[in-house]
Amino acid sequence: MILVTGGAGFIGTNFVLKLIKRKKNQEKILVFDNLTYSGNISNFDSLKENSLFEFIQGDINNLKQVQSIFGTFKPRVVVNFAAETHVDRSIEGPDIFIKTNVFGTFNLLRTSLEYFHSLPKFSKDDSITSQNKFRFLQISTDEVYGSLKEDDSQFKEQDPYKPNSPYSASKASGDHFVRAWTKTYGLPAIVTNCSNNYGPFQYPEKLIPLTIQNCLSGKKIPIYGKGDQIRDWLFVDDHCSALEKIISKGRPGENYNIGGECEYRNIDLVKLICNTLDGMNIKKHPSIKKGYEELISFVPDRLGHDYRYGVNIKKIKNDLNWQPSISIEEGMKRTVLWYLENTKWLNNLKTN
């Protein structure tokens, strides 16, 4: 049994669908999600009749509920996607970020440790979870490292955390607790720090789906400042492949950077999306005269806006033989096509 907390969100959804659809997978997947604004149970409509999938609505901030899940389902692996993740929202209201990303993670850790101690140390029977098989995987972000200058080297796993936003500070705190539970209590946990993900099922408050949606509806595309900020972009399917490798071969107590080796300025990324849409045979909104770049609109910069993120991924390449395989051009085409083919999904979000 693999317990996926926050599994109805963007990355969690893609991870679960990828695991379930693998022919070799015979392990049950339990998604435990609070279904806040960015979580969507309809993401799993294709799995309604699948015996390997189960969904329970719940909150990692509810300790009794978390303990009940562990006692009932006895997971072999816990993958923690459950988090509040939007920087702007964290600036406006940091409380829920601290509650979920710090105290919620703490609830998972304390319950995992109690459960871990109840397991037999070893078992040759694959149907029985034992201490040597158990893993706790904390999904984190490159934002915990802070900001880079243009000519700085990319962040490595041994670099110190220097978070600059309430969001990244809350994630950094949760990560530190995960490491502490490994070093102090021996919980076999691993932390991953990923760069900016994009792909299907991403909630349209984030840059790429927001840009696609605004292009299709003929609305202005807001760009902070001059759009000079640089981000490393990772197609979500590549991220999920990396997580599979880490679950099967990663070493407890380690952390792994997961990046796309694809740094783009925000303005150039938005132009790539516009050009991708321009190259498709779709009817433009009447307000657009020539191309989608007409919709770009520069707005006042975000408070404390980090300039550049970028992670060095040599460790996961060398240790686990993983590297990103999908180019930004190919990934963007897939992403744009998915949103074009799933307008009902977008419309349901607006309705709800």
Protein backbone atom coordinates (compact mmCIF):
# COMPACT_ATOMS: atom_id res chain seq x y z
CA MET A 1 0.00 0.00 0.00
CA ILE A 2 1.26 3.45 -0.96
CA LEU A 3 -0.31 6.34 0.97
CA VAL A 4 -0.31 9.57 -1.06
CA THR A 5 -1.23 12.58 1.03
CA GLY A 6 -2.34 15.59 -0.97
CA GLY A 7 -2.74 13.23 -3.89
CA ALA A 8 -5.64 15.10 -5.52
CA GLY A 9 -3.50 18.14 -6.29
CA PHE A 10 -1.46 18.80 -9.41
CA ILE A 11 1.69 16.72 -8.93
CA GLY A 12 -0.01 14.15 -6.71
CA THR A 13 -2.64 13.45 -9.35
CA ASN A 14 -0.05 12.88 -12.06
CA PHE A 15 1.98 10.65 -9.72
CA VAL A 16 -1.01 8.49 -8.80
CA LEU A 17 -2.21 8.13 -12.39
CA LYS A 18 1.29 7.17 -13.51
CA LEU A 19 1.62 4.49 -10.80
CA ILE A 20 -1.83 3.03 -11.37
CA LYS A 21 -1.41 2.82 -15.15
CA ARG A 22 1.91 1.00 -14.94
CA LYS A 23 1.34 -2.62 -15.95
CA LYS A 24 3.83 -3.87 -13.38
CA ASN A 25 2.08 -2.11 -10.50
CA GLN A 26 0.00 -4.40 -8.30
CA GLU A 27 0.21 -2.28 -5.16
CA LYS A 28 -2.83 -0.42 -3.91
CA ILE A 29 -2.73 3.40 -3.86
CA LEU A 30 -4.64 5.34 -1.20
CA VAL A 31 -5.10 9.07 -1.82
CA PHE A 32 -5.75 11.09 1.34
CA ASP A 33 -6.66 14.67 0.49
CA ASN A 34 -8.56 17.54 2.10
CA LEU A 35 -9.89 18.74 -1.27
CA THR A 36 -9.11 22.40 -0.76
CA TYR A 37 -9.54 24.73 -3.74
CA SER A 38 -6.66 23.15 -5.71
CA GLY A 39 -7.57 19.52 -5.01
CA ASN A 40 -10.02 17.84 -7.36
CA ILE A 41 -11.53 14.39 -6.92
CA SER A 42 -12.71 14.44 -10.57
CA ASN A 43 -9.04 14.04 -11.54
CA PHE A 44 -9.54 10.35 -10.76
CA ASP A 45 -12.74 9.74 -12.72
CA SER A 46 -10.86 7.24 -14.89
CA LEU A 47 -10.02 5.16 -11.80
CA LYS A 48 -13.52 4.74 -10.36
CA GLU A 49 -13.64 1.03 -11.19
CA ASN A 50 -9.97 0.35 -10.49
CA SER A 51 -9.44 -1.96 -7.51
CA LEU A 52 -5.93 -0.60 -6.94
CA PHE A 53 -7.22 2.91 -6.19
CA GLU A 54 -8.95 4.28 -3.11
CA PHE A 55 -9.72 7.83 -2.03
CA ILE A 56 -10.44 9.16 1.45
CA GLN A 57 -11.16 12.82 2.10
CA GLY A 58 -9.29 14.00 5.16
CA ASP A 59 -6.86 16.48 6.65
CA ILE A 60 -3.27 15.86 7.77
CA ASN A 61 -3.94 18.44 10.49
CA ASN A 62 -6.40 15.98 12.06
CA LEU A 63 -4.10 13.70 14.07
CA LYS A 64 -6.76 11.13 14.95
CA GLN A 65 -7.73 10.78 11.31
CA VAL A 66 -4.10 10.35 10.27
CA GLN A 67 -3.57 7.69 12.95
CA SER A 68 -6.70 5.87 11.80
CA ILE A 69 -5.44 5.80 8.20
CA PHE A 70 -2.14 4.23 9.25
CA GLY A 71 -3.80 1.71 11.56
CA THR A 72 -6.33 0.62 8.96
CA PHE A 73 -4.31 0.58 5.75
CA LYS A 74 -0.76 -0.12 6.98
CA PRO A 75 1.19 1.68 4.24
CA ARG A 76 4.57 0.55 2.96
CA VAL A 77 5.34 4.00 1.56
CA VAL A 78 4.10 7.46 2.52
CA VAL A 79 4.46 10.17 -0.15
CA ASN A 80 3.64 13.59 1.27
CA PHE A 81 2.41 16.03 -1.37
CA ALA A 82 0.01 17.67 1.10
CA ALA A 83 0.92 21.35 1.20
CA GLU A 84 -0.19 24.90 0.58
CA THR A 85 2.02 26.05 -2.29
CA HIS A 86 1.11 29.45 -3.72
CA VAL A 87 3.57 32.23 -2.83
CA ASP A 88 1.11 35.10 -3.31
CA ARG A 89 -1.44 33.42 -1.04
CA SER A 90 1.26 32.85 1.59
CA ILE A 91 2.05 36.57 1.62
CA GLU A 92 -1.61 37.49 2.04
CA GLY A 93 -2.37 34.82 4.66
CA PRO A 94 0.54 32.75 6.02
CA ASP A 95 -1.47 31.03 8.78
CA ILE A 96 -2.74 28.08 6.75
CA PHE A 97 0.74 27.56 5.27
CA ILE A 98 2.25 27.21 8.74
CA LYS A 99 -0.61 24.96 9.86
CA THR A 100 -0.44 22.54 6.94
CA ASN A 101 3.21 22.62 5.88
CA VAL A 102 4.62 22.53 9.42
CA PHE A 103 2.09 21.08 11.86
CA GLY A 104 0.48 18.81 9.28
CA THR A 105 3.88 17.40 8.36
CA PHE A 106 4.60 16.93 12.07
CA ASN A 107 1.39 14.88 12.44
CA LEU A 108 2.49 12.63 9.59
CA LEU A 109 5.95 12.21 11.09
CA ARG A 110 4.83 11.36 14.60
CA THR A 111 2.26 8.89 13.28
CA SER A 112 4.76 7.37 10.84
CA LEU A 113 7.28 6.84 13.62
CA GLU A 114 4.76 5.15 15.93
CA TYR A 115 3.66 2.96 13.04
CA PHE A 116 7.27 2.22 12.02
CA HIS A 117 8.10 0.97 15.53
CA SER A 118 5.09 -1.37 15.40
CA LEU A 119 6.37 -3.13 12.27
CA PRO A 120 8.55 -6.24 12.20
CA LYS A 121 12.16 -5.43 11.34
CA PHE A 122 12.30 -7.74 8.32
CA SER A 123 9.88 -9.73 6.18
CA LYS A 124 10.47 -11.80 3.05
CA ASP A 125 6.74 -11.76 2.37
CA ASP A 126 5.97 -8.89 -0.04
CA SER A 127 2.43 -8.63 1.34
CA ILE A 128 3.74 -7.73 4.81
CA THR A 129 5.12 -4.25 5.49
CA SER A 130 8.31 -4.30 7.55
CA GLN A 131 10.77 -1.69 8.81
CA ASN A 132 13.30 -2.47 6.09
CA LYS A 133 10.66 -1.77 3.40
CA PHE A 134 9.02 1.32 4.90
CA ARG A 135 9.77 4.75 3.40
CA PHE A 136 8.56 8.30 4.07
CA LEU A 137 9.00 10.64 1.11
CA GLN A 138 8.71 14.40 1.67
CA ILE A 139 8.03 16.35 -1.52
CA SER A 140 9.55 19.81 -1.24
CA THR A 141 10.65 22.72 -3.42
CA ASP A 142 13.78 24.44 -4.65
CA GLU A 143 12.43 27.68 -3.15
CA VAL A 144 13.67 26.64 0.29
CA TYR A 145 17.24 27.36 -0.86
CA GLY A 146 16.47 31.04 -1.46
CA SER A 147 17.37 33.05 -4.53
CA LEU A 148 20.29 32.91 -6.98
CA LYS A 149 21.99 35.68 -8.88
CA GLU A 150 22.36 35.36 -12.64
CA ASP A 151 25.90 33.95 -12.55
CA ASP A 152 25.58 31.89 -9.34
CA SER A 153 26.03 28.13 -9.46
CA GLN A 154 22.86 26.09 -9.13
CA PHE A 155 21.85 24.90 -5.67
CA LYS A 156 23.26 21.58 -4.49
CA GLU A 157 21.78 19.30 -1.86
CA GLN A 158 24.36 20.34 0.74
CA ASP A 159 23.56 24.06 0.40
CA PRO A 160 21.83 25.64 3.41
CA TYR A 161 18.18 26.58 3.35
CA LYS A 162 17.53 30.34 3.03
CA PRO A 163 13.79 30.73 2.39
CA ASN A 164 12.49 34.20 1.52
CA SER A 165 8.69 33.83 1.45
CA PRO A 166 6.20 32.57 4.05
CA TYR A 167 5.53 29.63 1.70
CA SER A 168 9.16 28.57 1.36
CA ALA A 169 9.78 29.16 5.08
CA SER A 170 6.91 26.83 5.96
CA LYS A 171 8.17 24.15 3.57
CA ALA A 172 11.72 24.52 4.90
CA SER A 173 10.45 24.03 8.44
CA GLY A 174 8.61 20.85 7.48
CA ASP A 175 11.72 19.53 5.71
CA HIS A 176 13.86 20.18 8.78
CA PHE A 177 11.44 18.16 10.90
CA VAL A 178 11.65 15.29 8.42
CA ARG A 179 15.44 15.30 8.66
CA ALA A 180 15.25 15.53 12.44
CA TRP A 181 12.97 12.48 12.60
CA THR A 182 15.51 10.56 10.54
CA LYS A 183 18.60 11.67 12.47
CA THR A 184 17.03 11.51 15.93
CA TYR A 185 14.57 8.63 15.71
CA GLY A 186 15.74 6.62 12.71
CA LEU A 187 12.65 7.12 10.55
CA PRO A 188 13.63 6.05 6.99
CA ALA A 189 12.70 9.31 5.28
CA ILE A 190 13.88 11.07 2.13
CA VAL A 191 13.40 14.71 1.08
CA THR A 192 13.16 15.82 -2.54
CA ASN A 193 13.54 19.41 -3.75
CA CYS A 194 12.01 19.96 -7.18
CA SER A 195 12.04 22.92 -9.53
CA ASN A 196 8.91 24.47 -11.07
CA ASN A 197 6.59 21.79 -12.45
CA TYR A 198 4.17 22.15 -15.34
CA GLY A 199 1.77 19.83 -17.13
CA PRO A 200 -1.81 18.47 -16.95
CA PHE A 201 -4.11 19.11 -13.98
CA GLN A 202 -2.28 22.21 -12.69
CA TYR A 203 -4.60 24.68 -10.98
CA PRO A 204 -4.92 27.81 -13.16
CA GLU A 205 -3.56 30.27 -10.60
CA LYS A 206 -0.02 29.20 -11.60
CA LEU A 207 1.85 30.92 -14.43
CA ILE A 208 1.59 28.38 -17.24
CA PRO A 209 -2.09 27.33 -16.95
CA LEU A 210 -3.07 30.94 -16.20
CA THR A 211 -1.33 32.08 -19.38
CA ILE A 212 -3.00 29.35 -21.44
CA GLN A 213 -6.42 30.15 -19.99
CA ASN A 214 -6.05 33.90 -20.52
CA CYS A 215 -4.91 33.37 -24.11
CA LEU A 216 -7.98 31.29 -24.86
CA SER A 217 -10.34 33.81 -23.27
CA GLY A 218 -8.62 36.90 -24.68
CA LYS A 219 -7.67 38.28 -21.26
CA LYS A 220 -4.48 40.12 -20.35
CA ILE A 221 -1.53 37.95 -19.26
CA PRO A 222 -0.08 39.54 -16.10
CA ILE A 223 3.73 39.48 -15.84
CA TYR A 224 5.40 40.61 -12.62
CA GLY A 225 7.91 43.43 -13.08
CA LYS A 226 9.72 43.06 -16.40
CA GLY A 227 9.45 39.27 -16.42
CA ASP A 228 13.20 38.92 -15.84
CA GLN A 229 12.89 36.30 -13.09
CA ILE A 230 14.40 32.93 -13.99
CA ARG A 231 12.96 29.53 -13.13
CA ASP A 232 13.98 25.98 -13.94
CA TRP A 233 11.07 24.10 -15.53
CA LEU A 234 10.33 20.40 -15.11
CA PHE A 235 7.58 18.50 -16.92
CA VAL A 236 5.49 16.78 -14.27
CA ASP A 237 5.80 13.32 -15.87
CA ASP A 238 9.59 13.56 -15.54
CA HIS A 239 9.18 14.53 -11.89
CA CYS A 240 6.97 11.50 -11.25
CA SER A 241 9.54 9.19 -12.88
CA ALA A 242 12.18 10.59 -10.53
CA LEU A 243 9.97 9.95 -7.50
CA GLU A 244 9.47 6.33 -8.57
CA LYS A 245 13.25 5.91 -8.74
CA ILE A 246 13.70 7.46 -5.31
CA ILE A 247 11.07 5.23 -3.72
CA SER A 248 12.69 2.09 -5.11
CA LYS A 249 16.39 3.00 -4.91
CA GLY A 250 16.79 6.18 -2.84
CA ARG A 251 18.75 6.06 0.41
CA PRO A 252 16.94 6.99 3.65
CA GLY A 253 18.35 10.13 5.20
CA GLU A 254 19.29 11.62 1.83
CA ASN A 255 17.79 14.50 -0.09
CA TYR A 256 17.65 14.71 -3.87
CA ASN A 257 17.28 17.70 -6.15
CA ILE A 258 14.94 17.11 -9.09
CA GLY A 259 15.15 19.62 -11.93
CA GLY A 260 14.47 19.96 -15.62
CA GLU A 261 17.81 21.54 -16.57
CA CYS A 262 15.75 24.15 -18.38
CA GLU A 263 16.10 27.69 -17.05
CA TYR A 264 13.79 30.27 -18.62
CA ARG A 265 12.97 33.89 -17.89
CA ASN A 266 9.28 34.30 -17.10
CA ILE A 267 8.73 36.59 -20.07
CA ASP A 268 10.39 34.12 -22.45
CA LEU A 269 8.31 31.27 -21.05
CA VAL A 270 5.09 33.19 -21.60
CA LYS A 271 6.19 34.00 -25.16
CA LEU A 272 6.86 30.28 -25.72
CA ILE A 273 3.30 29.50 -24.63
CA CYS A 274 1.93 32.22 -26.91
CA ASN A 275 3.98 30.95 -29.86
CA THR A 276 2.89 27.36 -29.18
CA LEU A 277 -0.75 28.45 -29.30
CA ASP A 278 -0.12 30.60 -32.39
CA GLY A 279 1.15 27.49 -34.18
CA MET A 280 -2.03 25.52 -33.49
CA ASN A 281 -5.08 25.51 -35.69
CA ILE A 282 -7.48 27.03 -33.18
CA LYS A 283 -9.80 30.01 -33.44
CA LYS A 284 -8.44 33.06 -31.64
CA HIS A 285 -10.53 35.28 -29.41
CA PRO A 286 -11.99 38.22 -31.41
CA SER A 287 -9.95 40.72 -29.34
CA ILE A 288 -6.66 39.27 -30.66
CA LYS A 289 -5.57 40.87 -33.94
CA LYS A 290 -2.38 38.96 -34.76
CA GLY A 291 -0.84 36.81 -32.04
CA TYR A 292 -1.26 35.93 -28.37
CA GLU A 293 1.74 38.04 -27.30
CA GLU A 294 -0.56 41.06 -27.65
CA LEU A 295 -2.12 40.02 -24.34
CA ILE A 296 1.08 40.38 -22.28
CA SER A 297 0.67 43.03 -19.58
CA PHE A 298 3.38 44.02 -17.09
CA VAL A 299 2.19 44.55 -13.50
CA PRO A 300 3.93 45.72 -10.29
CA ASP A 301 6.39 43.14 -9.01
CA ARG A 302 5.59 40.74 -6.17
CA LEU A 303 6.88 41.55 -2.68
CA GLY A 304 10.24 39.86 -2.07
CA HIS A 305 10.21 38.25 -5.51
CA ASP A 306 13.15 35.81 -5.76
CA TYR A 307 15.21 36.44 -8.89
CA ARG A 308 16.35 32.96 -9.89
CA TYR A 309 15.90 29.33 -8.88
CA GLY A 310 17.99 26.48 -10.22
CA VAL A 311 19.04 23.11 -8.85
CA ASN A 312 22.04 20.93 -9.63
CA ILE A 313 20.84 17.37 -10.34
CA LYS A 314 24.17 15.54 -10.60
CA LYS A 315 23.41 13.53 -7.46
CA ILE A 316 20.20 11.93 -8.73
CA LYS A 317 21.81 11.40 -12.14
CA ASN A 318 24.82 9.59 -10.67
CA ASP A 319 23.16 7.74 -7.79
CA LEU A 320 19.83 6.75 -9.32
CA ASN A 321 20.45 7.03 -13.07
CA TRP A 322 17.63 9.52 -13.59
CA GLN A 323 17.51 12.60 -15.77
CA PRO A 324 14.71 14.63 -17.39
CA SER A 325 13.68 13.35 -20.81
CA ILE A 326 11.02 15.79 -22.04
CA SER A 327 12.12 19.09 -23.59
CA ILE A 328 10.34 22.33 -22.72
CA GLU A 329 9.04 22.57 -26.31
CA GLU A 330 7.57 19.06 -26.24
CA GLY A 331 6.29 19.43 -22.69
CA MET A 332 4.62 22.73 -23.52
CA LYS A 333 2.88 21.24 -26.56
CA ARG A 334 1.54 18.40 -24.41
CA THR A 335 0.43 20.82 -21.72
CA VAL A 336 -1.34 23.22 -24.09
CA LEU A 337 -3.08 20.32 -25.86
CA TRP A 338 -4.25 18.89 -22.54
CA TYR A 339 -5.88 22.18 -21.53
CA LEU A 340 -7.45 22.54 -24.98
CA GLU A 341 -8.91 19.03 -24.69
CA ASN A 342 -10.06 19.45 -21.08
CA THR A 343 -12.03 22.69 -21.09
CA LYS A 344 -14.72 20.94 -19.05
CA TRP A 345 -12.18 20.39 -16.26
CA LEU A 346 -11.31 24.11 -16.29
CA ASN A 347 -14.97 25.17 -16.39
CA ASN A 348 -15.77 22.95 -13.42
CA LEU A 349 -13.01 24.67 -11.43
CA LYS A 350 -14.54 28.06 -12.22
CA THR A 351 -17.99 26.82 -11.18
CA ASN A 352 -16.71 25.42 -7.90
